[in-house]
Amino acid sequence: MNNVEYRAPSNHRTARRVILVVIFLAVLLGGLWYVKWSPYWQKALLAGSTHSIGTAIIADIGAKASGPSLQAGWSFTVAYFTSVWKAVVLGLLVGSLIQVLIPTSWIKRHLGGTRFQDSLVAALAGVPTMMCTCCSAPVAVGMKRSKASTNSVVAFFLANPVLNPATLVFMGFVLGWNFTIFRIVFGLITVLGIATLVAKFGTQKSVELPDNKMFDPIVESNEALIVRWIKALARLVIESIPAYVVIVYILGTFSGVLFPAIHNGLNGGILAILLFAVVGTLFVLPTAGEIPIIQALMALGLSAGPAATLLIALPAVSIVSLTLLKPVFSWKNLGIIGGGVVVMSIIAGLFGSFIL
């Protein structure tokens, strides 16, 4: 990679840089307020008064075992995207804008290291954004293309759903505050532990940068910013949406097969923990979607161990969100992330059997 030396920015360049950062923050904070913060405040009030945040997104979960159903796939796909489309749009916008409004050197300086501290900072940055991993995946891709380190990207990516403060509040009102404390402890271990493993054992994947340079939107003038943004956004859309829709539909089609255990007397024990660790890691849900699922299954007799497993496995990743990371992550890194979630879910289930 060519090293580019930047001259000290003039007052004009400084002012332009400030304007671009303000635009980015306006989109980010305004979008989060509209899509996440304001609706979740209302939802928290509802959860506090009713001890529920609605029904599970999987129709009749735990009520009956069924085979694959194309109608179930369509119904699940519609319900899922009805719930997440605003967050998907926000994720695509932020993931593309971070590549053209924020200097790469800034990203590399603050989120480009492989130390534990870098993972911790990235995880803290992921807490207030409150997205599911499918919606935060475009942001993670944008961060990686802007030279954030793999461990920082993974920490941000996992912290969004696992350490989501709104979900933790919902959980306390619906499942009990012991579940919230459990999720915080095992969530932190999961997020920071997997980020550390990826930094230590993962394989770096070459990621193309604009003009093969350390991109700075103030210095680079080969192409207009609006053109760069349209290209970055179009690339994210093409990489994300087709696979996103197809895999969500397939998971919905087989949802009756993926969640049959409660009907076969498999509502506790190590076998149930192992099954739900794998199923929960594969399946895709909107933000906080794990809460009504766990609530419904526990009402039908699911024990604390498998419930604790789902508490980590369901929100952390899915086969969809891992697929969305493929443009910037190697198969080895994706395997470490997915496998790490399965293992941590199993450990959480074993502990949860005794302390929940």
Protein backbone atom coordinates (compact mmCIF):
# COMPACT_ATOMS: atom_id res chain seq x y z
CA MET A 1 0.00 0.00 0.00
CA ASN A 2 1.30 3.44 -0.88
CA ASN A 3 1.96 5.74 2.01
CA VAL A 4 0.41 9.15 1.55
CA GLU A 5 1.70 12.12 3.47
CA TYR A 6 -0.89 14.74 4.23
CA ARG A 7 -0.09 18.37 4.61
CA ALA A 8 -1.51 20.22 7.59
CA PRO A 9 -5.07 21.03 6.61
CA SER A 10 -5.91 24.61 5.83
CA ASN A 11 -8.76 26.37 7.55
CA HIS A 12 -10.93 25.54 4.57
CA ARG A 13 -10.04 21.85 4.77
CA THR A 14 -10.58 21.81 8.51
CA ALA A 15 -13.99 23.40 8.11
CA ARG A 16 -14.92 20.92 5.39
CA ARG A 17 -13.80 18.00 7.52
CA VAL A 18 -15.94 19.26 10.42
CA ILE A 19 -18.94 19.62 8.11
CA LEU A 20 -18.56 16.06 6.81
CA VAL A 21 -18.25 14.62 10.32
CA VAL A 22 -21.31 16.61 11.41
CA ILE A 23 -23.26 15.19 8.45
CA PHE A 24 -22.23 11.67 9.44
CA LEU A 25 -23.19 12.21 13.08
CA ALA A 26 -26.50 13.78 12.07
CA VAL A 27 -27.42 10.72 10.00
CA LEU A 28 -26.20 8.32 12.69
CA LEU A 29 -27.78 9.99 15.72
CA GLY A 30 -30.93 11.12 13.96
CA GLY A 31 -31.40 7.64 12.51
CA LEU A 32 -30.82 5.95 15.85
CA TRP A 33 -33.32 8.25 17.54
CA TYR A 34 -35.99 7.55 14.93
CA VAL A 35 -35.34 3.81 14.45
CA LYS A 36 -34.14 2.71 17.89
CA TRP A 37 -34.06 5.07 20.84
CA SER A 38 -37.54 6.62 20.70
CA PRO A 39 -39.44 3.39 19.83
CA TYR A 40 -37.52 1.42 22.47
CA TRP A 41 -38.42 3.94 25.16
CA GLN A 42 -42.09 3.35 24.42
CA LYS A 43 -41.51 -0.40 24.27
CA ALA A 44 -39.78 -0.35 27.65
CA LEU A 45 -42.79 1.36 29.21
CA LEU A 46 -45.02 -1.32 27.68
CA ALA A 47 -42.79 -4.12 28.95
CA GLY A 48 -42.80 -2.65 32.43
CA SER A 49 -46.57 -2.57 32.61
CA THR A 50 -47.46 -5.79 30.77
CA HIS A 51 -44.33 -7.94 31.30
CA SER A 52 -44.43 -8.72 27.59
CA ILE A 53 -43.05 -7.20 24.38
CA GLY A 54 -45.38 -9.11 22.08
CA THR A 55 -45.62 -12.57 20.57
CA ALA A 56 -42.75 -14.60 19.16
CA ILE A 57 -41.94 -13.95 15.50
CA ILE A 58 -42.09 -17.71 14.84
CA ALA A 59 -45.75 -18.62 14.57
CA ASP A 60 -46.93 -21.23 17.10
CA ILE A 61 -43.43 -21.79 18.45
CA GLY A 62 -43.50 -24.60 20.95
CA ALA A 63 -47.16 -25.30 20.23
CA LYS A 64 -46.74 -27.92 17.54
CA ALA A 65 -44.07 -29.62 15.50
CA SER A 66 -44.29 -29.18 11.74
CA GLY A 67 -42.25 -29.81 8.63
CA PRO A 68 -40.97 -27.32 6.06
CA SER A 69 -43.59 -24.86 4.84
CA LEU A 70 -43.27 -22.36 2.00
CA GLN A 71 -46.13 -20.39 3.50
CA ALA A 72 -44.35 -20.28 6.84
CA GLY A 73 -41.24 -19.05 5.01
CA TRP A 74 -43.18 -16.24 3.38
CA SER A 75 -44.97 -15.28 6.60
CA PHE A 76 -41.70 -15.22 8.54
CA THR A 77 -39.94 -13.19 5.84
CA VAL A 78 -42.71 -10.57 5.80
CA ALA A 79 -42.83 -10.39 9.61
CA TYR A 80 -39.05 -10.16 9.86
CA PHE A 81 -38.55 -7.41 7.31
CA THR A 82 -41.56 -5.49 8.59
CA SER A 83 -39.75 -5.40 11.93
CA VAL A 84 -36.24 -4.57 10.71
CA TRP A 85 -36.45 -2.65 7.43
CA LYS A 86 -35.84 0.75 9.00
CA ALA A 87 -32.77 -0.55 10.80
CA VAL A 88 -31.56 -2.20 7.57
CA VAL A 89 -31.80 1.12 5.73
CA LEU A 90 -29.97 2.89 8.57
CA GLY A 91 -27.26 0.22 8.60
CA LEU A 92 -26.70 0.58 4.85
CA LEU A 93 -26.56 4.37 5.11
CA VAL A 94 -24.12 4.41 8.02
CA GLY A 95 -22.01 1.60 6.53
CA SER A 96 -21.62 3.50 3.26
CA LEU A 97 -21.19 6.97 4.76
CA ILE A 98 -18.44 5.85 7.11
CA GLN A 99 -16.41 4.95 4.02
CA VAL A 100 -16.68 8.40 2.43
CA LEU A 101 -17.12 10.95 5.24
CA ILE A 102 -14.69 9.70 7.90
CA PRO A 103 -10.95 9.68 7.09
CA THR A 104 -9.49 6.19 7.03
CA SER A 105 -6.60 7.41 9.15
CA TRP A 106 -9.05 8.28 11.94
CA ILE A 107 -10.64 4.83 11.87
CA LYS A 108 -7.25 3.16 11.84
CA ARG A 109 -5.99 5.32 14.71
CA HIS A 110 -8.94 4.66 17.04
CA LEU A 111 -10.23 1.24 15.93
CA GLY A 112 -7.32 -0.23 14.01
CA GLY A 113 -5.37 -1.94 16.77
CA THR A 114 -5.40 -5.58 17.85
CA ARG A 115 -5.14 -4.92 21.58
CA PHE A 116 -7.86 -5.84 24.06
CA GLN A 117 -8.43 -2.12 24.65
CA ASP A 118 -9.36 -1.66 20.99
CA SER A 119 -11.95 -4.42 21.24
CA LEU A 120 -13.34 -2.85 24.41
CA VAL A 121 -13.69 0.59 22.78
CA ALA A 122 -15.41 -0.94 19.74
CA ALA A 123 -17.76 -2.94 21.98
CA LEU A 124 -18.71 0.21 23.88
CA ALA A 125 -19.36 1.94 20.55
CA GLY A 126 -21.74 -0.89 19.64
CA VAL A 127 -23.83 -0.60 22.81
CA PRO A 128 -25.88 2.52 21.93
CA THR A 129 -26.50 1.54 18.29
CA MET A 130 -28.70 -1.36 19.44
CA MET A 131 -28.96 -3.22 16.12
CA CYS A 132 -29.33 -6.91 15.41
CA THR A 133 -26.23 -8.34 13.75
CA CYS A 134 -27.91 -8.42 10.33
CA CYS A 135 -28.54 -4.68 10.49
CA SER A 136 -25.13 -3.88 11.97
CA ALA A 137 -23.33 -6.07 9.39
CA PRO A 138 -23.25 -3.32 6.70
CA VAL A 139 -21.75 -0.96 9.29
CA ALA A 140 -19.18 -3.60 10.21
CA VAL A 141 -18.30 -4.06 6.53
CA GLY A 142 -17.91 -0.30 6.16
CA MET A 143 -15.68 -0.16 9.24
CA LYS A 144 -13.49 -2.95 7.90
CA ARG A 145 -13.13 -1.26 4.53
CA SER A 146 -12.10 1.88 6.40
CA LYS A 147 -9.23 -0.02 8.06
CA ALA A 148 -10.76 -0.94 11.42
CA SER A 149 -9.08 -4.06 12.80
CA THR A 150 -10.86 -7.39 12.63
CA ASN A 151 -11.20 -7.66 16.41
CA SER A 152 -12.67 -4.15 16.66
CA VAL A 153 -15.20 -4.93 13.93
CA VAL A 154 -16.18 -8.21 15.61
CA ALA A 155 -16.55 -6.54 19.01
CA PHE A 156 -18.77 -3.81 17.55
CA PHE A 157 -20.75 -6.35 15.53
CA LEU A 158 -21.48 -8.65 18.49
CA ALA A 159 -22.01 -5.91 21.09
CA ASN A 160 -24.91 -4.44 19.11
CA PRO A 161 -27.38 -7.26 19.88
CA VAL A 162 -25.77 -8.98 22.86
CA LEU A 163 -25.20 -5.87 25.00
CA ASN A 164 -28.17 -3.87 23.70
CA PRO A 165 -29.30 -1.85 26.76
CA ALA A 166 -32.93 -1.70 25.59
CA THR A 167 -33.05 -5.48 25.24
CA LEU A 168 -31.55 -5.84 28.71
CA VAL A 169 -34.32 -3.66 30.14
CA PHE A 170 -37.02 -5.58 28.25
CA MET A 171 -35.50 -8.80 29.52
CA GLY A 172 -35.63 -7.67 33.11
CA PHE A 173 -39.32 -6.80 32.89
CA VAL A 174 -40.32 -9.93 30.94
CA LEU A 175 -37.98 -12.75 32.02
CA GLY A 176 -36.62 -11.39 35.28
CA TRP A 177 -33.62 -9.30 36.29
CA ASN A 178 -31.59 -12.42 37.00
CA PHE A 179 -31.70 -13.10 33.25
CA THR A 180 -30.52 -9.55 32.58
CA ILE A 181 -27.52 -9.88 34.90
CA PHE A 182 -26.73 -13.29 33.41
CA ARG A 183 -26.85 -11.83 29.89
CA ILE A 184 -24.57 -8.92 30.80
CA VAL A 185 -21.92 -11.21 32.31
CA PHE A 186 -21.94 -13.85 29.60
CA GLY A 187 -22.51 -11.24 26.91
CA LEU A 188 -19.34 -9.39 27.85
CA ILE A 189 -17.36 -12.63 27.89
CA THR A 190 -18.79 -13.62 24.51
CA VAL A 191 -18.17 -10.28 22.80
CA LEU A 192 -14.67 -9.63 24.09
CA GLY A 193 -13.63 -13.30 24.12
CA ILE A 194 -14.55 -13.94 20.48
CA ALA A 195 -13.00 -10.62 19.37
CA THR A 196 -9.77 -11.65 21.12
CA LEU A 197 -9.83 -15.11 19.51
CA VAL A 198 -10.29 -13.61 16.05
CA ALA A 199 -7.37 -11.24 16.62
CA LYS A 200 -5.14 -14.08 17.80
CA PHE A 201 -6.09 -16.93 15.46
CA GLY A 202 -7.99 -15.34 12.57
CA THR A 203 -6.82 -14.85 9.01
CA GLN A 204 -6.64 -11.36 7.61
CA LYS A 205 -8.52 -10.83 4.37
CA SER A 206 -7.32 -8.21 1.91
CA VAL A 207 -9.88 -5.41 1.72
CA GLU A 208 -9.88 -3.01 -1.20
CA LEU A 209 -9.54 0.67 -0.36
CA PRO A 210 -10.41 3.59 -2.64
CA ASP A 211 -7.53 4.13 -5.06
CA ASN A 212 -5.46 1.74 -2.89
CA LYS A 213 -4.69 4.66 -0.59
CA MET A 214 -5.36 5.69 2.96
CA PHE A 215 -8.53 7.50 2.00
CA ASP A 216 -9.16 10.97 3.36
CA PRO A 217 -12.28 12.67 2.00
CA ILE A 218 -10.60 16.04 2.41
CA VAL A 219 -7.44 15.27 0.44
CA GLU A 220 -8.70 12.86 -2.21
CA SER A 221 -10.24 14.66 -5.15
CA ASN A 222 -10.15 12.05 -7.94
CA GLU A 223 -13.86 11.47 -7.59
CA ALA A 224 -16.70 13.48 -6.12
CA LEU A 225 -17.84 12.44 -2.65
CA ILE A 226 -21.38 11.86 -3.84
CA VAL A 227 -20.09 9.44 -6.49
CA ARG A 228 -17.97 7.62 -3.91
CA TRP A 229 -20.97 7.37 -1.61
CA ILE A 230 -23.31 6.04 -4.31
CA LYS A 231 -20.73 3.41 -5.24
CA ALA A 232 -20.19 2.39 -1.61
CA LEU A 233 -23.94 2.21 -0.95
CA ALA A 234 -24.67 0.28 -4.16
CA ARG A 235 -21.91 -2.20 -3.34
CA LEU A 236 -23.32 -2.81 0.14
CA VAL A 237 -26.85 -3.25 -1.22
CA ILE A 238 -25.75 -5.71 -3.89
CA GLU A 239 -23.64 -7.68 -1.42
CA SER A 240 -26.33 -7.72 1.27
CA ILE A 241 -29.94 -7.66 0.16
CA PRO A 242 -30.26 -10.64 -2.24
CA ALA A 243 -28.59 -13.12 0.11
CA TYR A 244 -30.37 -11.52 3.07
CA VAL A 245 -33.85 -12.10 1.63
CA VAL A 246 -33.16 -15.61 0.33
CA ILE A 247 -31.62 -16.96 3.54
CA VAL A 248 -34.30 -15.39 5.76
CA TYR A 249 -36.96 -17.07 3.60
CA ILE A 250 -35.21 -20.44 3.83
CA LEU A 251 -34.91 -20.17 7.62
CA GLY A 252 -38.59 -19.28 7.87
CA THR A 253 -39.50 -22.25 5.69
CA PHE A 254 -37.69 -24.63 8.03
CA SER A 255 -38.58 -22.90 11.31
CA GLY A 256 -41.00 -25.72 12.15
CA VAL A 257 -38.11 -28.17 11.82
CA LEU A 258 -35.55 -26.08 13.68
CA PHE A 259 -37.66 -25.62 16.83
CA PRO A 260 -39.40 -28.97 17.49
CA ALA A 261 -37.53 -30.10 20.60
CA ILE A 262 -40.08 -28.95 23.14
CA HIS A 263 -42.60 -31.40 21.68
CA ASN A 264 -40.37 -34.42 22.06
CA GLY A 265 -39.78 -34.09 25.78
CA LEU A 266 -36.40 -32.51 25.12
CA ASN A 267 -36.98 -29.51 27.36
CA GLY A 268 -33.89 -29.81 29.54
CA GLY A 269 -30.51 -31.48 29.89
CA ILE A 270 -27.28 -31.39 27.92
CA LEU A 271 -28.83 -32.62 24.67
CA ALA A 272 -31.32 -29.75 24.66
CA ILE A 273 -28.51 -27.29 25.40
CA LEU A 274 -26.45 -28.61 22.49
CA LEU A 275 -29.42 -28.53 20.12
CA PHE A 276 -30.48 -25.01 21.01
CA ALA A 277 -26.88 -23.74 20.83
CA VAL A 278 -26.67 -24.79 17.18
CA VAL A 279 -30.23 -23.81 16.22
CA GLY A 280 -29.99 -20.46 18.01
CA THR A 281 -26.71 -19.61 16.30
CA LEU A 282 -28.12 -20.39 12.85
CA PHE A 283 -31.48 -18.66 13.21
CA VAL A 284 -32.13 -14.99 12.48
CA LEU A 285 -34.22 -12.65 14.63
CA PRO A 286 -34.94 -8.92 14.92
CA THR A 287 -33.66 -7.01 17.94
CA ALA A 288 -34.96 -8.46 21.23
CA GLY A 289 -36.76 -11.22 19.31
CA GLU A 290 -35.23 -13.82 21.59
CA ILE A 291 -37.25 -12.60 24.58
CA PRO A 292 -40.77 -13.65 23.47
CA ILE A 293 -39.36 -16.92 22.08
CA ILE A 294 -37.75 -17.81 25.41
CA GLN A 295 -40.84 -16.65 27.27
CA ALA A 296 -43.13 -18.86 25.15
CA LEU A 297 -40.88 -21.92 25.39
CA MET A 298 -40.42 -21.59 29.16
CA ALA A 299 -44.19 -21.35 29.57
CA LEU A 300 -44.37 -24.74 27.85
CA GLY A 301 -41.75 -26.27 30.14
CA LEU A 302 -38.33 -25.36 28.72
CA SER A 303 -35.85 -25.46 31.58
CA ALA A 304 -33.36 -22.76 32.57
CA GLY A 305 -30.35 -24.39 30.88
CA PRO A 306 -31.60 -24.36 27.27
CA ALA A 307 -33.22 -20.97 27.93
CA ALA A 308 -29.82 -19.57 28.96
CA THR A 309 -28.34 -21.08 25.81
CA LEU A 310 -30.87 -19.26 23.64
CA LEU A 311 -30.19 -16.08 25.59
CA ILE A 312 -26.73 -15.95 23.96
CA ALA A 313 -27.15 -17.95 20.75
CA LEU A 314 -30.27 -16.31 19.31
CA PRO A 315 -29.18 -12.66 19.32
CA ALA A 316 -25.42 -12.98 18.83
CA VAL A 317 -25.16 -14.10 15.21
CA SER A 318 -27.07 -15.96 12.53
CA ILE A 319 -26.17 -17.66 9.28
CA VAL A 320 -27.56 -14.52 7.61
CA SER A 321 -25.37 -12.02 9.47
CA LEU A 322 -22.26 -14.17 9.00
CA THR A 323 -22.98 -14.32 5.27
CA LEU A 324 -23.23 -10.53 5.15
CA LEU A 325 -19.71 -10.28 6.63
CA LYS A 326 -18.16 -12.54 3.96
CA PRO A 327 -17.02 -9.68 1.68
CA VAL A 328 -14.49 -8.54 4.29
CA PHE A 329 -13.92 -11.61 6.49
CA SER A 330 -12.22 -14.89 5.69
CA TRP A 331 -14.01 -18.22 6.14
CA LYS A 332 -11.69 -18.92 9.06
CA ASN A 333 -12.74 -15.73 10.83
CA LEU A 334 -16.42 -16.48 10.24
CA GLY A 335 -15.86 -19.99 11.60
CA ILE A 336 -14.25 -18.59 14.74
CA ILE A 337 -17.15 -16.18 15.27
CA GLY A 338 -19.89 -18.76 14.67
CA GLY A 339 -18.10 -21.53 16.53
CA GLY A 340 -17.33 -19.17 19.40
CA VAL A 341 -21.00 -18.30 19.77
CA VAL A 342 -21.97 -21.98 19.82
CA VAL A 343 -19.38 -22.76 22.49
CA MET A 344 -20.28 -19.76 24.64
CA SER A 345 -23.97 -20.64 24.33
CA ILE A 346 -23.27 -24.14 25.59
CA ILE A 347 -21.23 -22.81 28.50
CA ALA A 348 -24.00 -20.32 29.30
CA GLY A 349 -26.53 -23.16 29.23
CA LEU A 350 -24.52 -25.29 31.63
CA PHE A 351 -24.12 -22.40 34.08
CA GLY A 352 -27.71 -21.33 33.60
CA SER A 353 -28.94 -24.77 34.62
CA PHE A 354 -27.65 -24.10 38.13
CA ILE A 355 -27.98 -20.36 38.67
CA LEU A 356 -31.13 -19.27 36.82
